[in-house]
Amino acid sequence: MKLFLLTLMTASLMSCNSPQQGDAQPKTLSATEYKAHHEKIDNKDVILVDVRTPAEFEAGHLDKTQHADFLSGEFEKEMQNWDKDKTYYLYCASGNRSGKAAKLMEQAGFKNVYNIGGYQDLKSAGLPVKE
C-alpha cells in the first residue's frame, strides 16, 4: 500500500511540474540581438513580418518587411499560405502582438519563429527603416 501511495504521489507531482504543450513561449530576441543576428543571415530564407495595423506600418517600418496585421482577423488565414520551412522574425509596437502571432505560428507547425519585440526599439538599435 505504501508503495502504491508513493507511486501515486510521485506521478502527481511530476504531472504538476511538467510543462504543458500549449504554454510554451515563442523564442524572443532583443533588438540588439536581432541586429547582430540579422547581419549574419542569408535573407532568402528569412521573412521579416510587421504585425501592426496598416496605419502603424505606413508611419514607418523596418526595411524589407512584409505586413500582416495581427488585429485584422486575417492573420491566421494569411499565415497558412506561408512556407513553414523559412525563418520568421515578427515585430509590432511593443512585442505583445508579435508574441501572440509567433505563438499562433508555432501552434500551426512553424519551427523557426522569433518575436523581436517593438518597432521603436528596433529602429533605435540602428536597423534600416522606411518612413
N, C-alpha and C. Protein backbone atom coordinates (compact mmCIF):
# COMPACT_ATOMS: atom_id res chain seq x y z
N MET A 1 0.83 -1.20 0.00
CA MET A 1 0.00 0.00 0.00
C MET A 1 0.87 1.26 0.00
N LYS A 2 1.96 1.22 0.82
CA LYS A 2 2.85 2.39 0.87
C LYS A 2 3.48 2.64 -0.49
N LEU A 3 3.87 1.57 -1.17
CA LEU A 3 4.47 1.70 -2.49
C LEU A 3 3.48 2.31 -3.47
N PHE A 4 2.22 1.89 -3.39
CA PHE A 4 1.18 2.43 -4.26
C PHE A 4 0.99 3.93 -4.01
N LEU A 5 0.92 4.34 -2.74
CA LEU A 5 0.74 5.75 -2.40
C LEU A 5 1.96 6.58 -2.83
N LEU A 6 3.14 6.03 -2.64
CA LEU A 6 4.35 6.73 -3.04
C LEU A 6 4.39 6.92 -4.56
N THR A 7 4.02 5.87 -5.29
CA THR A 7 3.96 5.96 -6.76
C THR A 7 2.93 6.98 -7.20
N LEU A 8 1.78 6.97 -6.56
CA LEU A 8 0.72 7.91 -6.90
C LEU A 8 1.15 9.35 -6.63
N MET A 9 1.79 9.58 -5.49
CA MET A 9 2.25 10.93 -5.15
C MET A 9 3.33 11.39 -6.13
N THR A 10 4.25 10.52 -6.48
CA THR A 10 5.32 10.87 -7.43
C THR A 10 4.73 11.23 -8.79
N ALA A 11 3.81 10.42 -9.26
CA ALA A 11 3.17 10.70 -10.55
C ALA A 11 2.41 12.02 -10.51
N SER A 12 1.76 12.29 -9.40
CA SER A 12 1.01 13.53 -9.25
C SER A 12 1.93 14.74 -9.29
N LEU A 13 3.04 14.66 -8.56
CA LEU A 13 4.00 15.76 -8.55
C LEU A 13 4.61 15.99 -9.92
N MET A 14 4.94 14.93 -10.61
CA MET A 14 5.54 15.05 -11.94
C MET A 14 4.57 15.69 -12.92
N SER A 15 3.31 15.36 -12.82
CA SER A 15 2.34 15.94 -13.76
C SER A 15 2.13 17.42 -13.49
N CYS A 16 2.31 17.87 -12.27
CA CYS A 16 2.17 19.29 -11.94
C CYS A 16 3.36 20.10 -12.43
N ASN A 17 4.52 19.48 -12.48
CA ASN A 17 5.72 20.21 -12.85
C ASN A 17 6.06 20.14 -14.32
N SER A 18 5.47 19.23 -15.06
CA SER A 18 5.82 19.13 -16.47
C SER A 18 5.14 20.23 -17.26
N PRO A 19 5.86 20.85 -18.20
CA PRO A 19 5.26 21.95 -18.97
C PRO A 19 4.13 21.45 -19.85
N GLN A 20 3.13 22.25 -19.96
CA GLN A 20 2.00 21.93 -20.84
C GLN A 20 2.36 22.33 -22.26
N GLN A 21 1.95 21.58 -23.23
CA GLN A 21 2.33 21.82 -24.62
C GLN A 21 1.92 23.21 -25.08
N GLY A 22 0.74 23.69 -24.72
CA GLY A 22 0.26 24.98 -25.19
C GLY A 22 0.83 26.17 -24.45
N ASP A 23 1.60 25.93 -23.36
CA ASP A 23 2.12 27.01 -22.55
C ASP A 23 3.49 27.50 -23.00
N ALA A 24 4.13 26.85 -23.94
CA ALA A 24 5.47 27.23 -24.36
C ALA A 24 5.45 28.64 -24.94
N GLN A 25 6.45 29.42 -24.56
CA GLN A 25 6.56 30.79 -25.05
C GLN A 25 7.38 30.80 -26.33
N PRO A 26 7.02 31.67 -27.27
CA PRO A 26 7.80 31.78 -28.51
C PRO A 26 9.23 32.25 -28.21
N LYS A 27 10.13 31.92 -29.11
CA LYS A 27 11.51 32.37 -28.97
C LYS A 27 11.55 33.89 -29.16
N THR A 28 12.34 34.56 -28.34
CA THR A 28 12.43 36.02 -28.44
C THR A 28 13.88 36.44 -28.61
N LEU A 29 14.05 37.55 -29.28
CA LEU A 29 15.35 38.20 -29.42
C LEU A 29 15.16 39.68 -29.11
N SER A 30 16.10 40.28 -28.41
CA SER A 30 16.05 41.73 -28.20
C SER A 30 16.42 42.41 -29.52
N ALA A 31 16.21 43.71 -29.57
CA ALA A 31 16.54 44.47 -30.78
C ALA A 31 18.02 44.34 -31.12
N THR A 32 18.89 44.42 -30.12
CA THR A 32 20.32 44.32 -30.39
C THR A 32 20.72 42.90 -30.78
N GLU A 33 20.08 41.90 -30.16
CA GLU A 33 20.35 40.51 -30.56
C GLU A 33 19.91 40.27 -31.99
N TYR A 34 18.74 40.80 -32.35
CA TYR A 34 18.26 40.64 -33.72
C TYR A 34 19.20 41.34 -34.70
N LYS A 35 19.65 42.54 -34.37
CA LYS A 35 20.55 43.27 -35.27
C LYS A 35 21.82 42.47 -35.53
N ALA A 36 22.41 41.92 -34.48
CA ALA A 36 23.63 41.12 -34.64
C ALA A 36 23.34 39.86 -35.45
N HIS A 37 22.21 39.23 -35.18
CA HIS A 37 21.80 38.01 -35.88
C HIS A 37 21.47 38.32 -37.34
N HIS A 38 20.76 39.42 -37.56
CA HIS A 38 20.31 39.85 -38.88
C HIS A 38 21.48 40.07 -39.84
N GLU A 39 22.57 40.60 -39.32
CA GLU A 39 23.73 40.91 -40.16
C GLU A 39 24.46 39.66 -40.65
N LYS A 40 24.17 38.50 -40.03
CA LYS A 40 24.87 37.27 -40.38
C LYS A 40 24.02 36.29 -41.18
N ILE A 41 22.76 36.60 -41.43
CA ILE A 41 21.88 35.61 -42.04
C ILE A 41 21.67 35.84 -43.53
N ASP A 42 21.38 34.76 -44.21
CA ASP A 42 21.07 34.80 -45.63
C ASP A 42 19.58 35.14 -45.76
N ASN A 43 19.27 36.25 -46.39
CA ASN A 43 17.90 36.76 -46.40
C ASN A 43 16.91 36.00 -47.27
N LYS A 44 17.35 35.08 -48.10
CA LYS A 44 16.40 34.41 -48.99
C LYS A 44 15.45 33.47 -48.25
N ASP A 45 15.88 32.93 -47.12
CA ASP A 45 15.03 32.04 -46.35
C ASP A 45 14.52 32.68 -45.06
N VAL A 46 14.59 34.01 -45.00
CA VAL A 46 14.18 34.75 -43.82
C VAL A 46 13.10 35.75 -44.20
N ILE A 47 12.05 35.77 -43.41
CA ILE A 47 10.95 36.71 -43.64
C ILE A 47 10.79 37.57 -42.40
N LEU A 48 10.80 38.87 -42.58
CA LEU A 48 10.56 39.83 -41.53
C LEU A 48 9.11 40.28 -41.64
N VAL A 49 8.34 40.15 -40.55
CA VAL A 49 6.90 40.44 -40.60
C VAL A 49 6.53 41.48 -39.55
N ASP A 50 5.91 42.56 -39.99
CA ASP A 50 5.37 43.60 -39.12
C ASP A 50 3.89 43.27 -38.92
N VAL A 51 3.49 43.02 -37.68
CA VAL A 51 2.11 42.61 -37.42
C VAL A 51 1.25 43.77 -36.89
N ARG A 52 1.74 45.00 -37.03
CA ARG A 52 0.98 46.17 -36.56
C ARG A 52 -0.14 46.50 -37.55
N THR A 53 -0.94 47.48 -37.19
CA THR A 53 -2.04 47.93 -38.05
C THR A 53 -1.49 48.62 -39.30
N PRO A 54 -2.31 48.76 -40.35
CA PRO A 54 -1.85 49.46 -41.55
C PRO A 54 -1.37 50.89 -41.26
N ALA A 55 -2.05 51.59 -40.38
CA ALA A 55 -1.64 52.96 -40.05
C ALA A 55 -0.27 52.98 -39.38
N GLU A 56 -0.02 52.06 -38.48
CA GLU A 56 1.29 51.96 -37.82
C GLU A 56 2.36 51.62 -38.85
N PHE A 57 2.06 50.69 -39.74
CA PHE A 57 3.01 50.27 -40.77
C PHE A 57 3.36 51.44 -41.69
N GLU A 58 2.35 52.18 -42.12
CA GLU A 58 2.57 53.32 -43.02
C GLU A 58 3.38 54.43 -42.36
N ALA A 59 3.28 54.56 -41.04
CA ALA A 59 4.03 55.60 -40.33
C ALA A 59 5.53 55.30 -40.28
N GLY A 60 5.90 54.07 -40.54
CA GLY A 60 7.30 53.67 -40.56
C GLY A 60 7.44 52.20 -40.23
N HIS A 61 8.35 51.53 -40.92
CA HIS A 61 8.58 50.10 -40.68
C HIS A 61 10.01 49.76 -41.06
N LEU A 62 10.45 48.59 -40.62
CA LEU A 62 11.79 48.15 -41.00
C LEU A 62 11.84 47.87 -42.49
N ASP A 63 13.01 48.08 -43.06
CA ASP A 63 13.23 47.82 -44.48
C ASP A 63 13.02 46.34 -44.77
N LYS A 64 12.52 46.03 -45.94
CA LYS A 64 12.30 44.65 -46.42
C LYS A 64 11.35 43.87 -45.51
N THR A 65 10.28 44.52 -45.11
CA THR A 65 9.30 43.91 -44.21
C THR A 65 8.00 43.57 -44.92
N GLN A 66 7.47 42.42 -44.61
CA GLN A 66 6.15 42.00 -45.07
C GLN A 66 5.15 42.47 -44.00
N HIS A 67 4.00 42.96 -44.42
CA HIS A 67 2.99 43.41 -43.46
C HIS A 67 1.86 42.40 -43.36
N ALA A 68 1.48 42.06 -42.13
CA ALA A 68 0.35 41.16 -41.87
C ALA A 68 -0.29 41.59 -40.55
N ASP A 69 -1.32 42.38 -40.62
CA ASP A 69 -1.99 42.95 -39.45
C ASP A 69 -2.58 41.85 -38.56
N PHE A 70 -2.03 41.71 -37.35
CA PHE A 70 -2.50 40.68 -36.43
C PHE A 70 -3.93 40.95 -35.96
N LEU A 71 -4.29 42.21 -35.81
CA LEU A 71 -5.62 42.56 -35.29
C LEU A 71 -6.73 42.51 -36.33
N SER A 72 -6.39 42.32 -37.59
CA SER A 72 -7.39 42.35 -38.66
C SER A 72 -8.32 41.14 -38.65
N GLY A 73 -7.90 40.08 -37.98
CA GLY A 73 -8.68 38.84 -38.01
C GLY A 73 -8.31 37.96 -39.19
N GLU A 74 -7.42 38.43 -40.04
CA GLU A 74 -6.99 37.68 -41.23
C GLU A 74 -5.61 37.05 -41.05
N PHE A 75 -4.92 37.39 -39.99
CA PHE A 75 -3.54 36.92 -39.82
C PHE A 75 -3.45 35.40 -39.88
N GLU A 76 -4.29 34.73 -39.12
CA GLU A 76 -4.23 33.27 -39.07
C GLU A 76 -4.48 32.65 -40.44
N LYS A 77 -5.37 33.25 -41.21
CA LYS A 77 -5.65 32.77 -42.56
C LYS A 77 -4.45 33.02 -43.48
N GLU A 78 -3.86 34.22 -43.39
CA GLU A 78 -2.71 34.57 -44.23
C GLU A 78 -1.53 33.64 -43.99
N MET A 79 -1.25 33.36 -42.72
CA MET A 79 -0.05 32.58 -42.41
C MET A 79 -0.14 31.15 -42.94
N GLN A 80 -1.34 30.67 -43.20
CA GLN A 80 -1.49 29.31 -43.73
C GLN A 80 -0.85 29.17 -45.12
N ASN A 81 -0.66 30.30 -45.81
CA ASN A 81 -0.05 30.28 -47.15
C ASN A 81 1.47 30.49 -47.11
N TRP A 82 2.03 30.64 -45.94
CA TRP A 82 3.46 30.88 -45.81
C TRP A 82 4.24 29.57 -45.74
N ASP A 83 5.50 29.63 -46.16
CA ASP A 83 6.39 28.47 -46.17
C ASP A 83 6.87 28.17 -44.75
N LYS A 84 6.50 27.02 -44.23
CA LYS A 84 6.85 26.65 -42.85
C LYS A 84 8.32 26.33 -42.67
N ASP A 85 9.07 26.20 -43.77
CA ASP A 85 10.50 25.90 -43.68
C ASP A 85 11.36 27.15 -43.56
N LYS A 86 10.77 28.32 -43.77
CA LYS A 86 11.54 29.56 -43.66
C LYS A 86 11.59 30.02 -42.21
N THR A 87 12.45 31.00 -41.97
CA THR A 87 12.58 31.59 -40.64
C THR A 87 11.85 32.92 -40.63
N TYR A 88 11.04 33.14 -39.60
CA TYR A 88 10.22 34.34 -39.49
C TYR A 88 10.62 35.14 -38.24
N TYR A 89 10.80 36.45 -38.44
CA TYR A 89 11.05 37.39 -37.36
C TYR A 89 9.87 38.35 -37.33
N LEU A 90 9.15 38.38 -36.22
CA LEU A 90 7.95 39.19 -36.10
C LEU A 90 8.15 40.33 -35.12
N TYR A 91 7.59 41.50 -35.45
CA TYR A 91 7.62 42.62 -34.52
C TYR A 91 6.31 43.40 -34.61
N CYS A 92 6.07 44.21 -33.57
CA CYS A 92 4.89 45.08 -33.53
C CYS A 92 5.32 46.37 -32.84
N ALA A 93 4.45 46.97 -32.05
CA ALA A 93 4.81 48.20 -31.35
C ALA A 93 5.58 47.90 -30.06
N SER A 94 5.19 46.84 -29.35
CA SER A 94 5.81 46.56 -28.05
C SER A 94 6.33 45.14 -27.90
N GLY A 95 5.93 44.23 -28.77
CA GLY A 95 6.29 42.83 -28.65
C GLY A 95 5.13 41.96 -28.22
N ASN A 96 4.01 42.58 -27.83
CA ASN A 96 2.85 41.82 -27.38
C ASN A 96 2.15 41.10 -28.54
N ARG A 97 1.74 41.84 -29.55
CA ARG A 97 1.06 41.23 -30.70
C ARG A 97 1.98 40.26 -31.44
N SER A 98 3.25 40.64 -31.59
CA SER A 98 4.18 39.75 -32.30
C SER A 98 4.40 38.46 -31.50
N GLY A 99 4.36 38.53 -30.18
CA GLY A 99 4.46 37.33 -29.36
C GLY A 99 3.26 36.42 -29.56
N LYS A 100 2.08 37.01 -29.61
CA LYS A 100 0.85 36.24 -29.84
C LYS A 100 0.86 35.64 -31.24
N ALA A 101 1.29 36.41 -32.22
CA ALA A 101 1.35 35.92 -33.60
C ALA A 101 2.36 34.79 -33.72
N ALA A 102 3.52 34.93 -33.06
CA ALA A 102 4.54 33.88 -33.09
C ALA A 102 4.00 32.59 -32.47
N LYS A 103 3.27 32.72 -31.39
CA LYS A 103 2.69 31.54 -30.74
C LYS A 103 1.70 30.84 -31.68
N LEU A 104 0.87 31.62 -32.36
CA LEU A 104 -0.07 31.04 -33.33
C LEU A 104 0.68 30.28 -34.42
N MET A 105 1.75 30.88 -34.91
CA MET A 105 2.53 30.25 -35.97
C MET A 105 3.16 28.95 -35.49
N GLU A 106 3.71 28.97 -34.29
CA GLU A 106 4.31 27.74 -33.75
C GLU A 106 3.27 26.65 -33.58
N GLN A 107 2.08 27.01 -33.13
CA GLN A 107 1.00 26.03 -32.97
C GLN A 107 0.57 25.46 -34.32
N ALA A 108 0.77 26.24 -35.39
CA ALA A 108 0.41 25.79 -36.73
C ALA A 108 1.53 24.98 -37.39
N GLY A 109 2.66 24.79 -36.69
CA GLY A 109 3.72 23.95 -37.23
C GLY A 109 4.95 24.68 -37.74
N PHE A 110 5.01 25.99 -37.61
CA PHE A 110 6.20 26.74 -38.00
C PHE A 110 7.27 26.48 -36.94
N LYS A 111 8.47 26.14 -37.38
CA LYS A 111 9.54 25.77 -36.45
C LYS A 111 10.46 26.93 -36.08
N ASN A 112 10.67 27.84 -37.00
CA ASN A 112 11.64 28.92 -36.81
C ASN A 112 10.95 30.28 -36.79
N VAL A 113 10.37 30.61 -35.64
CA VAL A 113 9.64 31.86 -35.48
C VAL A 113 10.22 32.59 -34.26
N TYR A 114 10.51 33.86 -34.44
CA TYR A 114 11.08 34.67 -33.38
C TYR A 114 10.28 35.95 -33.19
N ASN A 115 10.04 36.32 -31.95
CA ASN A 115 9.45 37.60 -31.61
C ASN A 115 10.62 38.54 -31.35
N ILE A 116 10.75 39.59 -32.16
CA ILE A 116 11.88 40.50 -31.99
C ILE A 116 11.45 41.83 -31.37
N GLY A 117 10.23 41.87 -30.81
CA GLY A 117 9.83 43.00 -29.99
C GLY A 117 9.18 44.15 -30.70
N GLY A 118 9.52 45.37 -30.26
CA GLY A 118 8.85 46.59 -30.71
C GLY A 118 9.62 47.38 -31.75
N TYR A 119 8.88 48.04 -32.62
CA TYR A 119 9.45 48.81 -33.72
C TYR A 119 10.42 49.89 -33.25
N GLN A 120 10.05 50.66 -32.25
CA GLN A 120 10.92 51.76 -31.80
C GLN A 120 12.25 51.24 -31.29
N ASP A 121 12.24 50.13 -30.57
CA ASP A 121 13.49 49.53 -30.08
C ASP A 121 14.36 49.07 -31.25
N LEU A 122 13.73 48.48 -32.26
CA LEU A 122 14.46 48.02 -33.43
C LEU A 122 15.05 49.20 -34.20
N LYS A 123 14.26 50.25 -34.34
CA LYS A 123 14.72 51.47 -35.02
C LYS A 123 15.88 52.09 -34.23
N SER A 124 15.75 52.17 -32.91
CA SER A 124 16.80 52.74 -32.06
C SER A 124 18.09 51.93 -32.10
N ALA A 125 17.97 50.63 -32.38
CA ALA A 125 19.15 49.76 -32.47
C ALA A 125 19.93 50.00 -33.75
N GLY A 126 19.35 50.81 -34.66
CA GLY A 126 20.05 51.15 -35.90
C GLY A 126 19.68 50.30 -37.10
N LEU A 127 18.60 49.56 -37.01
CA LEU A 127 18.16 48.77 -38.18
C LEU A 127 17.59 49.70 -39.24
N PRO A 128 17.78 49.38 -40.52
CA PRO A 128 17.27 50.24 -41.59
C PRO A 128 15.75 50.29 -41.60
N VAL A 129 15.21 51.50 -41.73
CA VAL A 129 13.75 51.69 -41.74
C VAL A 129 13.30 52.45 -42.99
N LYS A 130 12.02 52.34 -43.26
CA LYS A 130 11.37 53.14 -44.31
C LYS A 130 10.30 53.97 -43.62
N GLU A 131 10.40 55.28 -43.79
CA GLU A 131 9.42 56.16 -43.15
C GLU A 131 8.69 56.97 -44.18
